[in-house]
Amino acid sequence: MSLRKPFTHCQSCAEKLSDDLRIDARFCDKRCRKNAYEKKNRLVLNQPSRSDFAAFKKNIIENAPTAATQYALAWPVPGSLLVHWTPLLTVRTKRFDGGLVVGRYFMLRPRFELPRVAHTGLHAIAFYDDSGKEIETPVAMLCGVWVPAAFRTRSKKPPAPKPSPVTPAPSMGLGIVMKLR
């Protein structure tokens, strides 16, 4: 009885698999196996375009206080009454253009800076002047602003946690084992 190979072509480069490979081989060599693994597990960033933010930018610029030169956004933390503000001033944060910045909010004036956030949807907004002092949020923006696009960090769901092993029931502490008939 002849065993038939389940794969006749490499799953990465589509070349015909050599007959001298193992019967369960899916790739022609280590390079193709590595490329397939990296492609499967690669973190993919969505790249929102500037055009996605046209209405957002217009809304912010038209409704921002005249003294405001910077802004920050916040979204609710699921399952709590807390909000997460971005950008964080104490750590390096990645910006829309890919650069890393420490210690300043998103720029509003003189040159508008698009936000880099992890979630689309309704965000609270706060405005700041040149010195970093918060300015009162205009009434038109008290309910928040809609952020139309976000930079996601993963393109697929993270792996499910491994189930914990079953632990035996606690003993009664008597040290006696009874055999049932």
N, C-alpha and C. Protein backbone atom coordinates (compact mmCIF):
# COMPACT_ATOMS: atom_id res chain seq x y z
N MET A 1 0.84 -1.17 0.00
CA MET A 1 0.00 0.00 0.00
C MET A 1 0.89 1.25 0.00
N SER A 2 0.64 2.15 -0.91
CA SER A 2 1.43 3.36 -1.04
C SER A 2 0.73 4.49 -0.29
N LEU A 3 1.52 5.19 0.50
CA LEU A 3 0.96 6.34 1.22
C LEU A 3 1.02 7.57 0.33
N ARG A 4 -0.05 8.28 0.32
CA ARG A 4 -0.16 9.49 -0.52
C ARG A 4 0.15 10.71 0.33
N LYS A 5 0.96 11.61 -0.20
CA LYS A 5 1.29 12.84 0.52
C LYS A 5 0.08 13.76 0.55
N PRO A 6 -0.22 14.35 1.72
CA PRO A 6 -1.36 15.26 1.79
C PRO A 6 -1.11 16.57 1.03
N PHE A 7 0.15 17.00 0.93
CA PHE A 7 0.49 18.23 0.22
C PHE A 7 1.46 17.91 -0.90
N THR A 8 1.16 18.36 -2.09
CA THR A 8 2.05 18.14 -3.23
C THR A 8 2.83 19.40 -3.57
N HIS A 9 2.36 20.56 -3.08
CA HIS A 9 3.03 21.83 -3.34
C HIS A 9 3.27 22.57 -2.03
N CYS A 10 4.36 23.34 -1.99
CA CYS A 10 4.72 24.12 -0.81
C CYS A 10 3.59 25.09 -0.47
N GLN A 11 3.24 25.17 0.81
CA GLN A 11 2.17 26.04 1.25
C GLN A 11 2.58 27.51 1.31
N SER A 12 3.88 27.79 1.11
CA SER A 12 4.36 29.17 1.13
C SER A 12 4.64 29.69 -0.28
N CYS A 13 5.46 28.95 -1.05
CA CYS A 13 5.86 29.46 -2.37
C CYS A 13 5.19 28.75 -3.54
N ALA A 14 4.40 27.71 -3.28
CA ALA A 14 3.63 26.96 -4.28
C ALA A 14 4.50 26.13 -5.23
N GLU A 15 5.78 25.94 -4.89
CA GLU A 15 6.64 25.05 -5.69
C GLU A 15 6.28 23.61 -5.37
N LYS A 16 6.52 22.72 -6.33
CA LYS A 16 6.25 21.29 -6.13
C LYS A 16 7.20 20.76 -5.06
N LEU A 17 6.65 19.99 -4.12
CA LEU A 17 7.47 19.44 -3.04
C LEU A 17 8.30 18.27 -3.56
N SER A 18 9.52 18.19 -3.09
CA SER A 18 10.43 17.12 -3.49
C SER A 18 9.95 15.78 -2.92
N ASP A 19 10.22 14.70 -3.64
CA ASP A 19 9.79 13.37 -3.19
C ASP A 19 10.59 12.88 -1.99
N ASP A 20 11.77 13.45 -1.74
CA ASP A 20 12.59 12.97 -0.62
C ASP A 20 12.24 13.63 0.72
N LEU A 21 11.25 14.53 0.74
CA LEU A 21 10.79 15.14 1.98
C LEU A 21 9.87 14.18 2.74
N ARG A 22 9.68 14.44 4.01
CA ARG A 22 8.77 13.60 4.81
C ARG A 22 7.38 13.61 4.20
N ILE A 23 6.62 12.60 4.51
CA ILE A 23 5.28 12.47 3.93
C ILE A 23 4.34 13.57 4.40
N ASP A 24 4.57 14.10 5.59
CA ASP A 24 3.69 15.16 6.13
C ASP A 24 4.25 16.57 5.89
N ALA A 25 5.26 16.72 5.03
CA ALA A 25 5.87 18.02 4.76
C ALA A 25 4.87 18.96 4.08
N ARG A 26 4.87 20.21 4.55
CA ARG A 26 4.00 21.22 3.95
C ARG A 26 4.80 22.32 3.27
N PHE A 27 6.09 22.40 3.58
CA PHE A 27 6.95 23.44 3.03
C PHE A 27 8.17 22.81 2.40
N CYS A 28 8.74 23.48 1.39
CA CYS A 28 9.88 22.92 0.67
C CYS A 28 11.18 23.06 1.45
N ASP A 29 11.30 24.06 2.33
CA ASP A 29 12.52 24.22 3.13
C ASP A 29 12.23 25.10 4.35
N LYS A 30 13.27 25.32 5.16
CA LYS A 30 13.13 26.11 6.38
C LYS A 30 12.72 27.55 6.10
N ARG A 31 13.24 28.11 5.01
CA ARG A 31 12.93 29.50 4.66
C ARG A 31 11.42 29.67 4.43
N CYS A 32 10.82 28.74 3.68
CA CYS A 32 9.37 28.84 3.41
C CYS A 32 8.56 28.62 4.69
N ARG A 33 9.00 27.69 5.54
CA ARG A 33 8.29 27.45 6.80
C ARG A 33 8.36 28.71 7.67
N LYS A 34 9.53 29.35 7.74
CA LYS A 34 9.70 30.57 8.51
C LYS A 34 8.84 31.70 7.94
N ASN A 35 8.82 31.87 6.63
CA ASN A 35 8.01 32.91 6.00
C ASN A 35 6.52 32.71 6.28
N ALA A 36 6.07 31.47 6.22
CA ALA A 36 4.66 31.18 6.49
C ALA A 36 4.31 31.48 7.94
N TYR A 37 5.21 31.12 8.87
CA TYR A 37 4.97 31.39 10.28
C TYR A 37 4.89 32.90 10.54
N GLU A 38 5.84 33.65 9.97
CA GLU A 38 5.84 35.10 10.16
C GLU A 38 4.60 35.75 9.56
N LYS A 39 4.19 35.27 8.40
CA LYS A 39 3.00 35.84 7.77
C LYS A 39 1.76 35.56 8.62
N LYS A 40 1.68 34.36 9.18
CA LYS A 40 0.53 33.98 9.99
C LYS A 40 0.47 34.77 11.30
N ASN A 41 1.63 35.05 11.89
CA ASN A 41 1.68 35.66 13.21
C ASN A 41 2.08 37.13 13.20
N ARG A 42 2.15 37.73 12.05
CA ARG A 42 2.56 39.13 11.92
C ARG A 42 1.51 40.05 12.52
N LEU A 43 1.98 41.06 13.22
CA LEU A 43 1.08 42.10 13.71
C LEU A 43 0.84 43.06 12.55
N VAL A 44 -0.40 43.25 12.21
CA VAL A 44 -0.73 44.11 11.09
C VAL A 44 -1.35 45.39 11.61
N LEU A 45 -0.78 46.50 11.22
CA LEU A 45 -1.35 47.79 11.60
C LEU A 45 -2.24 48.31 10.49
N ASN A 46 -3.43 48.69 10.85
CA ASN A 46 -4.27 49.38 9.88
C ASN A 46 -3.66 50.76 9.68
N GLN A 47 -3.62 51.20 8.49
CA GLN A 47 -3.06 52.52 8.22
C GLN A 47 -4.17 53.47 7.78
N PRO A 48 -4.81 54.12 8.72
CA PRO A 48 -5.83 55.10 8.34
C PRO A 48 -5.18 56.20 7.51
N SER A 49 -5.93 56.73 6.58
CA SER A 49 -5.40 57.81 5.76
C SER A 49 -5.84 59.15 6.32
N ARG A 50 -5.19 60.19 5.87
CA ARG A 50 -5.55 61.54 6.31
C ARG A 50 -6.97 61.90 5.89
N SER A 51 -7.41 61.35 4.75
CA SER A 51 -8.76 61.66 4.28
C SER A 51 -9.83 61.10 5.22
N ASP A 52 -9.50 60.03 5.97
CA ASP A 52 -10.45 59.48 6.95
C ASP A 52 -10.78 60.50 8.04
N PHE A 53 -9.86 61.42 8.27
CA PHE A 53 -9.99 62.37 9.36
C PHE A 53 -10.42 63.77 8.93
N ALA A 54 -10.85 63.94 7.68
CA ALA A 54 -11.19 65.28 7.18
C ALA A 54 -12.29 65.94 8.01
N ALA A 55 -13.39 65.24 8.26
CA ALA A 55 -14.50 65.81 9.03
C ALA A 55 -14.09 66.02 10.49
N PHE A 56 -13.30 65.09 11.03
CA PHE A 56 -12.81 65.20 12.41
C PHE A 56 -11.99 66.49 12.57
N LYS A 57 -11.06 66.70 11.65
CA LYS A 57 -10.19 67.88 11.71
C LYS A 57 -11.01 69.17 11.61
N LYS A 58 -11.96 69.18 10.69
CA LYS A 58 -12.79 70.37 10.49
C LYS A 58 -13.59 70.68 11.76
N ASN A 59 -14.18 69.65 12.37
CA ASN A 59 -14.97 69.81 13.59
C ASN A 59 -14.12 70.37 14.73
N ILE A 60 -12.94 69.83 14.92
CA ILE A 60 -12.07 70.27 16.02
C ILE A 60 -11.64 71.73 15.81
N ILE A 61 -11.17 72.03 14.61
CA ILE A 61 -10.65 73.39 14.35
C ILE A 61 -11.76 74.44 14.47
N GLU A 62 -12.95 74.12 13.98
CA GLU A 62 -14.05 75.10 14.04
C GLU A 62 -14.56 75.33 15.45
N ASN A 63 -14.54 74.30 16.31
CA ASN A 63 -15.14 74.41 17.64
C ASN A 63 -14.15 74.59 18.78
N ALA A 64 -12.87 74.54 18.51
CA ALA A 64 -11.87 74.67 19.58
C ALA A 64 -11.80 76.10 20.09
N PRO A 65 -11.50 76.27 21.37
CA PRO A 65 -11.30 77.63 21.90
C PRO A 65 -10.13 78.31 21.17
N THR A 66 -10.18 79.62 21.05
CA THR A 66 -9.15 80.34 20.29
C THR A 66 -7.78 80.27 20.96
N ALA A 67 -7.74 80.14 22.27
CA ALA A 67 -6.46 80.07 22.99
C ALA A 67 -5.84 78.68 22.97
N ALA A 68 -6.59 77.68 22.54
CA ALA A 68 -6.11 76.29 22.57
C ALA A 68 -5.07 76.05 21.47
N THR A 69 -3.98 75.38 21.86
CA THR A 69 -2.94 75.01 20.89
C THR A 69 -2.71 73.50 20.86
N GLN A 70 -3.30 72.78 21.83
CA GLN A 70 -3.11 71.33 21.93
C GLN A 70 -4.42 70.68 22.35
N TYR A 71 -4.52 69.38 22.13
CA TYR A 71 -5.71 68.65 22.59
C TYR A 71 -5.34 67.22 22.95
N ALA A 72 -6.19 66.59 23.74
CA ALA A 72 -6.04 65.19 24.14
C ALA A 72 -7.40 64.52 24.02
N LEU A 73 -7.39 63.21 23.81
CA LEU A 73 -8.63 62.44 23.67
C LEU A 73 -8.69 61.35 24.73
N ALA A 74 -9.92 60.95 25.08
CA ALA A 74 -10.10 59.88 26.07
C ALA A 74 -11.26 58.99 25.66
N TRP A 75 -11.16 57.71 25.99
CA TRP A 75 -12.27 56.79 25.76
C TRP A 75 -12.48 55.98 27.03
N PRO A 76 -13.70 55.48 27.27
CA PRO A 76 -13.99 54.75 28.52
C PRO A 76 -13.29 53.39 28.56
N VAL A 77 -12.83 53.04 29.74
CA VAL A 77 -12.25 51.71 29.96
C VAL A 77 -13.42 50.76 30.19
N PRO A 78 -13.54 49.69 29.39
CA PRO A 78 -14.69 48.78 29.53
C PRO A 78 -14.80 48.21 30.95
N GLY A 79 -16.00 48.19 31.46
CA GLY A 79 -16.27 47.59 32.77
C GLY A 79 -15.89 48.47 33.96
N SER A 80 -15.61 49.74 33.72
CA SER A 80 -15.28 50.61 34.84
C SER A 80 -15.78 52.02 34.56
N LEU A 81 -15.61 52.89 35.53
CA LEU A 81 -16.00 54.29 35.36
C LEU A 81 -14.80 55.16 34.97
N LEU A 82 -13.68 54.53 34.64
CA LEU A 82 -12.46 55.25 34.30
C LEU A 82 -12.39 55.54 32.80
N VAL A 83 -11.55 56.50 32.45
CA VAL A 83 -11.27 56.77 31.04
C VAL A 83 -9.76 56.72 30.83
N HIS A 84 -9.37 56.39 29.61
CA HIS A 84 -7.96 56.33 29.24
C HIS A 84 -7.65 57.52 28.35
N TRP A 85 -6.73 58.38 28.79
CA TRP A 85 -6.37 59.56 28.01
C TRP A 85 -5.21 59.26 27.09
N THR A 86 -5.25 59.82 25.92
CA THR A 86 -4.14 59.71 24.99
C THR A 86 -3.90 61.06 24.36
N PRO A 87 -2.69 61.48 24.18
CA PRO A 87 -1.45 60.76 24.46
C PRO A 87 -1.08 60.84 25.94
N LEU A 88 -0.33 59.86 26.39
CA LEU A 88 0.18 59.87 27.76
C LEU A 88 1.41 60.77 27.78
N LEU A 89 1.50 61.63 28.76
CA LEU A 89 2.60 62.59 28.80
C LEU A 89 3.87 62.02 29.42
N THR A 90 3.75 60.91 30.14
CA THR A 90 4.90 60.38 30.87
C THR A 90 5.67 59.32 30.10
N VAL A 91 5.15 58.84 28.98
CA VAL A 91 5.82 57.81 28.21
C VAL A 91 5.91 58.22 26.74
N ARG A 92 6.79 57.56 26.01
CA ARG A 92 6.86 57.81 24.57
C ARG A 92 5.59 57.29 23.93
N THR A 93 4.99 58.08 23.07
CA THR A 93 3.80 57.64 22.36
C THR A 93 4.03 57.76 20.86
N LYS A 94 3.53 56.78 20.14
CA LYS A 94 3.66 56.79 18.69
C LYS A 94 2.58 57.70 18.12
N ARG A 95 2.95 58.48 17.12
CA ARG A 95 2.04 59.44 16.53
C ARG A 95 1.57 58.98 15.17
N PHE A 96 0.63 59.70 14.59
CA PHE A 96 0.02 59.35 13.31
C PHE A 96 1.06 59.17 12.22
N ASP A 97 2.08 60.02 12.22
CA ASP A 97 3.12 59.94 11.18
C ASP A 97 4.17 58.88 11.47
N GLY A 98 4.04 58.16 12.59
CA GLY A 98 4.97 57.08 12.93
C GLY A 98 6.07 57.50 13.88
N GLY A 99 6.23 58.79 14.14
CA GLY A 99 7.26 59.27 15.05
C GLY A 99 6.90 59.01 16.51
N LEU A 100 7.92 59.04 17.37
CA LEU A 100 7.72 58.86 18.81
C LEU A 100 7.95 60.19 19.51
N VAL A 101 7.04 60.55 20.42
CA VAL A 101 7.12 61.83 21.12
C VAL A 101 6.88 61.59 22.61
N VAL A 102 7.59 62.34 23.45
CA VAL A 102 7.39 62.28 24.89
C VAL A 102 6.95 63.65 25.38
N GLY A 103 5.90 63.67 26.21
CA GLY A 103 5.57 64.87 26.96
C GLY A 103 4.83 65.98 26.27
N ARG A 104 4.03 65.70 25.27
CA ARG A 104 3.18 66.76 24.75
C ARG A 104 1.89 66.17 24.19
N TYR A 105 0.87 67.01 24.14
CA TYR A 105 -0.43 66.59 23.62
C TYR A 105 -0.40 66.63 22.09
N PHE A 106 -1.53 66.26 21.46
CA PHE A 106 -1.64 66.41 20.01
C PHE A 106 -1.71 67.90 19.70
N MET A 107 -1.01 68.33 18.67
CA MET A 107 -0.98 69.75 18.31
C MET A 107 -2.26 70.15 17.59
N LEU A 108 -2.79 71.30 17.95
CA LEU A 108 -3.97 71.86 17.32
C LEU A 108 -3.58 73.04 16.43
N ARG A 109 -2.74 73.88 16.97
CA ARG A 109 -2.25 75.04 16.22
C ARG A 109 -0.76 75.19 16.51
N PRO A 110 0.05 75.67 15.66
CA PRO A 110 -0.19 76.22 14.34
C PRO A 110 -0.41 75.15 13.27
N ARG A 111 0.05 73.92 13.49
CA ARG A 111 -0.13 72.86 12.49
C ARG A 111 -0.91 71.73 13.14
N PHE A 112 -2.07 71.38 12.58
CA PHE A 112 -2.94 70.36 13.17
C PHE A 112 -2.28 68.98 13.08
N GLU A 113 -2.28 68.25 14.21
CA GLU A 113 -1.74 66.90 14.26
C GLU A 113 -2.89 65.91 14.42
N LEU A 114 -2.97 64.95 13.51
CA LEU A 114 -4.02 63.92 13.60
C LEU A 114 -3.72 62.99 14.77
N PRO A 115 -4.75 62.50 15.44
CA PRO A 115 -4.52 61.63 16.60
C PRO A 115 -4.22 60.20 16.18
N ARG A 116 -3.47 59.51 17.00
CA ARG A 116 -3.25 58.07 16.84
C ARG A 116 -3.87 57.44 18.07
N VAL A 117 -5.01 56.79 17.86
CA VAL A 117 -5.75 56.17 18.97
C VAL A 117 -6.01 54.70 18.65
N ALA A 118 -6.34 53.94 19.69
CA ALA A 118 -6.55 52.50 19.52
C ALA A 118 -8.00 52.14 19.22
N HIS A 119 -8.92 53.06 19.42
CA HIS A 119 -10.34 52.75 19.25
C HIS A 119 -11.04 53.82 18.43
N THR A 120 -11.92 53.37 17.54
CA THR A 120 -12.77 54.32 16.84
C THR A 120 -13.97 54.63 17.73
N GLY A 121 -14.70 55.66 17.41
CA GLY A 121 -15.91 55.95 18.15
C GLY A 121 -15.84 57.27 18.88
N LEU A 122 -16.73 57.43 19.84
CA LEU A 122 -16.87 58.67 20.59
C LEU A 122 -15.77 58.79 21.65
N HIS A 123 -15.07 59.90 21.64
CA HIS A 123 -13.99 60.18 22.59
C HIS A 123 -14.27 61.52 23.27
N ALA A 124 -13.94 61.60 24.54
CA ALA A 124 -13.96 62.89 25.24
C ALA A 124 -12.77 63.69 24.74
N ILE A 125 -12.86 65.00 24.80
CA ILE A 125 -11.76 65.85 24.33
C ILE A 125 -11.47 66.92 25.36
N ALA A 126 -10.18 67.24 25.50
CA ALA A 126 -9.76 68.32 26.39
C ALA A 126 -8.78 69.19 25.61
N PHE A 127 -8.84 70.50 25.85
CA PHE A 127 -7.97 71.45 25.15
C PHE A 127 -6.98 72.06 26.12
N TYR A 128 -5.80 72.40 25.62
CA TYR A 128 -4.73 72.97 26.44
C TYR A 128 -4.08 74.14 25.72
N ASP A 129 -3.55 75.09 26.51
CA ASP A 129 -2.83 76.21 25.90
C ASP A 129 -1.35 75.87 25.78
N ASP A 130 -0.52 76.86 25.39
CA ASP A 130 0.92 76.63 25.19
C ASP A 130 1.63 76.12 26.44
N SER A 131 1.18 76.56 27.60
CA SER A 131 1.83 76.17 28.85
C SER A 131 1.34 74.82 29.37
N GLY A 132 0.37 74.22 28.72
CA GLY A 132 -0.16 72.92 29.16
C GLY A 132 -1.33 73.04 30.11
N LYS A 133 -1.82 74.26 30.33
CA LYS A 133 -2.96 74.48 31.22
C LYS A 133 -4.25 74.14 30.46
N GLU A 134 -5.13 73.38 31.14
CA GLU A 134 -6.38 72.98 30.49
C GLU A 134 -7.30 74.18 30.31
N ILE A 135 -7.95 74.20 29.14
CA ILE A 135 -8.91 75.26 28.80
C ILE A 135 -10.29 74.63 28.80
N GLU A 136 -11.28 75.37 29.20
CA GLU A 136 -12.64 74.85 29.25
C GLU A 136 -13.10 74.34 27.87
N THR A 137 -13.69 73.17 27.87
CA THR A 137 -14.18 72.56 26.63
C THR A 137 -15.44 73.27 26.18
N PRO A 138 -15.54 73.63 24.90
CA PRO A 138 -16.74 74.31 24.41
C PRO A 138 -17.98 73.43 24.54
N VAL A 139 -19.12 74.06 24.69
CA VAL A 139 -20.39 73.34 24.86
C VAL A 139 -20.64 72.38 23.69
N ALA A 140 -20.28 72.79 22.47
CA ALA A 140 -20.52 71.95 21.29
C ALA A 140 -19.76 70.64 21.35
N MET A 141 -18.74 70.56 22.23
CA MET A 141 -17.91 69.34 22.28
C MET A 141 -17.99 68.62 23.62
N LEU A 142 -18.90 69.02 24.49
CA LEU A 142 -19.01 68.39 25.80
C LEU A 142 -19.40 66.91 25.71
N CYS A 143 -20.14 66.55 24.69
CA CYS A 143 -20.54 65.15 24.53
C CYS A 143 -19.47 64.32 23.82
N GLY A 144 -18.36 64.94 23.45
CA GLY A 144 -17.26 64.22 22.83
C GLY A 144 -17.19 64.45 21.33
N VAL A 145 -16.18 63.83 20.72
CA VAL A 145 -15.98 63.91 19.28
C VAL A 145 -15.87 62.49 18.72
N TRP A 146 -16.29 62.34 17.49
CA TRP A 146 -16.24 61.03 16.84
C TRP A 146 -14.90 60.87 16.14
N VAL A 147 -14.14 59.84 16.53
CA VAL A 147 -12.87 59.54 15.88
C VAL A 147 -13.15 58.43 14.87
N PRO A 148 -12.97 58.70 13.57
CA PRO A 148 -13.41 57.79 12.53
C PRO A 148 -12.51 56.59 12.25
N ALA A 149 -11.25 56.65 12.63
CA ALA A 149 -10.33 55.56 12.31
C ALA A 149 -9.34 55.39 13.44
N ALA A 150 -8.79 54.18 13.56
CA ALA A 150 -7.85 53.89 14.63
C ALA A 150 -6.75 52.98 14.12
N PHE A 151 -5.66 52.95 14.85
CA PHE A 151 -4.56 52.04 14.57
C PHE A 151 -4.74 50.82 15.45
N ARG A 152 -5.10 49.74 14.87
CA ARG A 152 -5.25 48.50 15.63
C ARG A 152 -3.88 47.84 15.75
N THR A 153 -3.70 47.05 16.80
CA THR A 153 -2.41 46.42 16.99
C THR A 153 -2.36 45.00 16.48
N ARG A 154 -3.46 44.31 16.44
CA ARG A 154 -3.46 42.92 15.97
C ARG A 154 -4.50 42.73 14.88
N SER A 155 -4.16 41.88 13.91
CA SER A 155 -5.10 41.61 12.84
C SER A 155 -5.93 40.37 13.14
N LYS A 156 -5.56 39.64 14.18
CA LYS A 156 -6.31 38.43 14.53
C LYS A 156 -6.47 38.36 16.04
N LYS A 157 -7.35 37.49 16.47
CA LYS A 157 -7.58 37.35 17.90
C LYS A 157 -6.35 36.74 18.56
N PRO A 158 -6.03 37.16 19.78
CA PRO A 158 -4.94 36.52 20.49
C PRO A 158 -5.33 35.09 20.84
N PRO A 159 -4.35 34.19 21.00
CA PRO A 159 -4.68 32.81 21.30
C PRO A 159 -5.44 32.68 22.61
N ALA A 160 -6.33 31.70 22.65
CA ALA A 160 -7.10 31.47 23.87
C ALA A 160 -6.17 30.94 24.95
N PRO A 161 -6.42 31.31 26.20
CA PRO A 161 -5.56 30.80 27.27
C PRO A 161 -5.70 29.29 27.41
N LYS A 162 -4.58 28.67 27.77
CA LYS A 162 -4.60 27.22 27.95
C LYS A 162 -5.40 26.89 29.21
N PRO A 163 -6.22 25.84 29.14
CA PRO A 163 -6.99 25.49 30.35
C PRO A 163 -6.05 25.03 31.46
N SER A 164 -6.38 25.40 32.67
CA SER A 164 -5.54 24.98 33.79
C SER A 164 -5.82 23.50 34.09
N PRO A 165 -4.80 22.80 34.56
CA PRO A 165 -5.01 21.38 34.87
C PRO A 165 -6.02 21.23 36.00
N VAL A 166 -6.73 20.12 35.97
CA VAL A 166 -7.74 19.85 36.99
C VAL A 166 -7.03 19.51 38.28
N THR A 167 -7.39 20.21 39.32
CA THR A 167 -6.78 19.93 40.62
C THR A 167 -7.68 18.98 41.39
N PRO A 168 -7.07 18.06 42.12
CA PRO A 168 -7.89 17.12 42.89
C PRO A 168 -8.65 17.83 44.00
N ALA A 169 -9.77 17.27 44.36
CA ALA A 169 -10.57 17.84 45.44
C ALA A 169 -9.78 17.79 46.74
N PRO A 170 -9.93 18.78 47.58
CA PRO A 170 -9.18 18.78 48.84
C PRO A 170 -9.61 17.61 49.72
N SER A 171 -8.64 17.04 50.42
CA SER A 171 -8.95 15.91 51.30
C SER A 171 -9.58 16.43 52.59
N MET A 172 -10.18 15.55 53.29
CA MET A 172 -10.84 15.94 54.53
C MET A 172 -9.84 16.08 55.67
N GLY A 173 -8.59 15.76 55.42
CA GLY A 173 -7.58 15.92 56.46
C GLY A 173 -7.54 14.75 57.43
N LEU A 174 -8.27 13.67 57.17
CA LEU A 174 -8.28 12.55 58.09
C LEU A 174 -7.15 11.57 57.81
N GLY A 175 -6.63 11.60 56.61
CA GLY A 175 -5.55 10.68 56.26
C GLY A 175 -6.02 9.26 56.11
N ILE A 176 -7.31 9.01 56.03
CA ILE A 176 -7.85 7.65 55.94
C ILE A 176 -8.47 7.49 54.55
N VAL A 177 -8.11 6.41 53.92
CA VAL A 177 -8.70 6.11 52.61
C VAL A 177 -9.64 4.96 52.81
N MET A 178 -10.87 5.13 52.42
CA MET A 178 -11.86 4.05 52.59
C MET A 178 -12.15 3.45 51.24
N LYS A 179 -12.19 2.19 51.18
CA LYS A 179 -12.47 1.48 49.94
C LYS A 179 -13.95 1.09 49.93
N LEU A 180 -14.61 1.51 48.90
CA LEU A 180 -16.02 1.16 48.78
C LEU A 180 -16.15 -0.18 48.06
N ARG A 181 -17.09 -1.01 48.49
CA ARG A 181 -17.27 -2.32 47.86
C ARG A 181 -18.22 -2.23 46.74
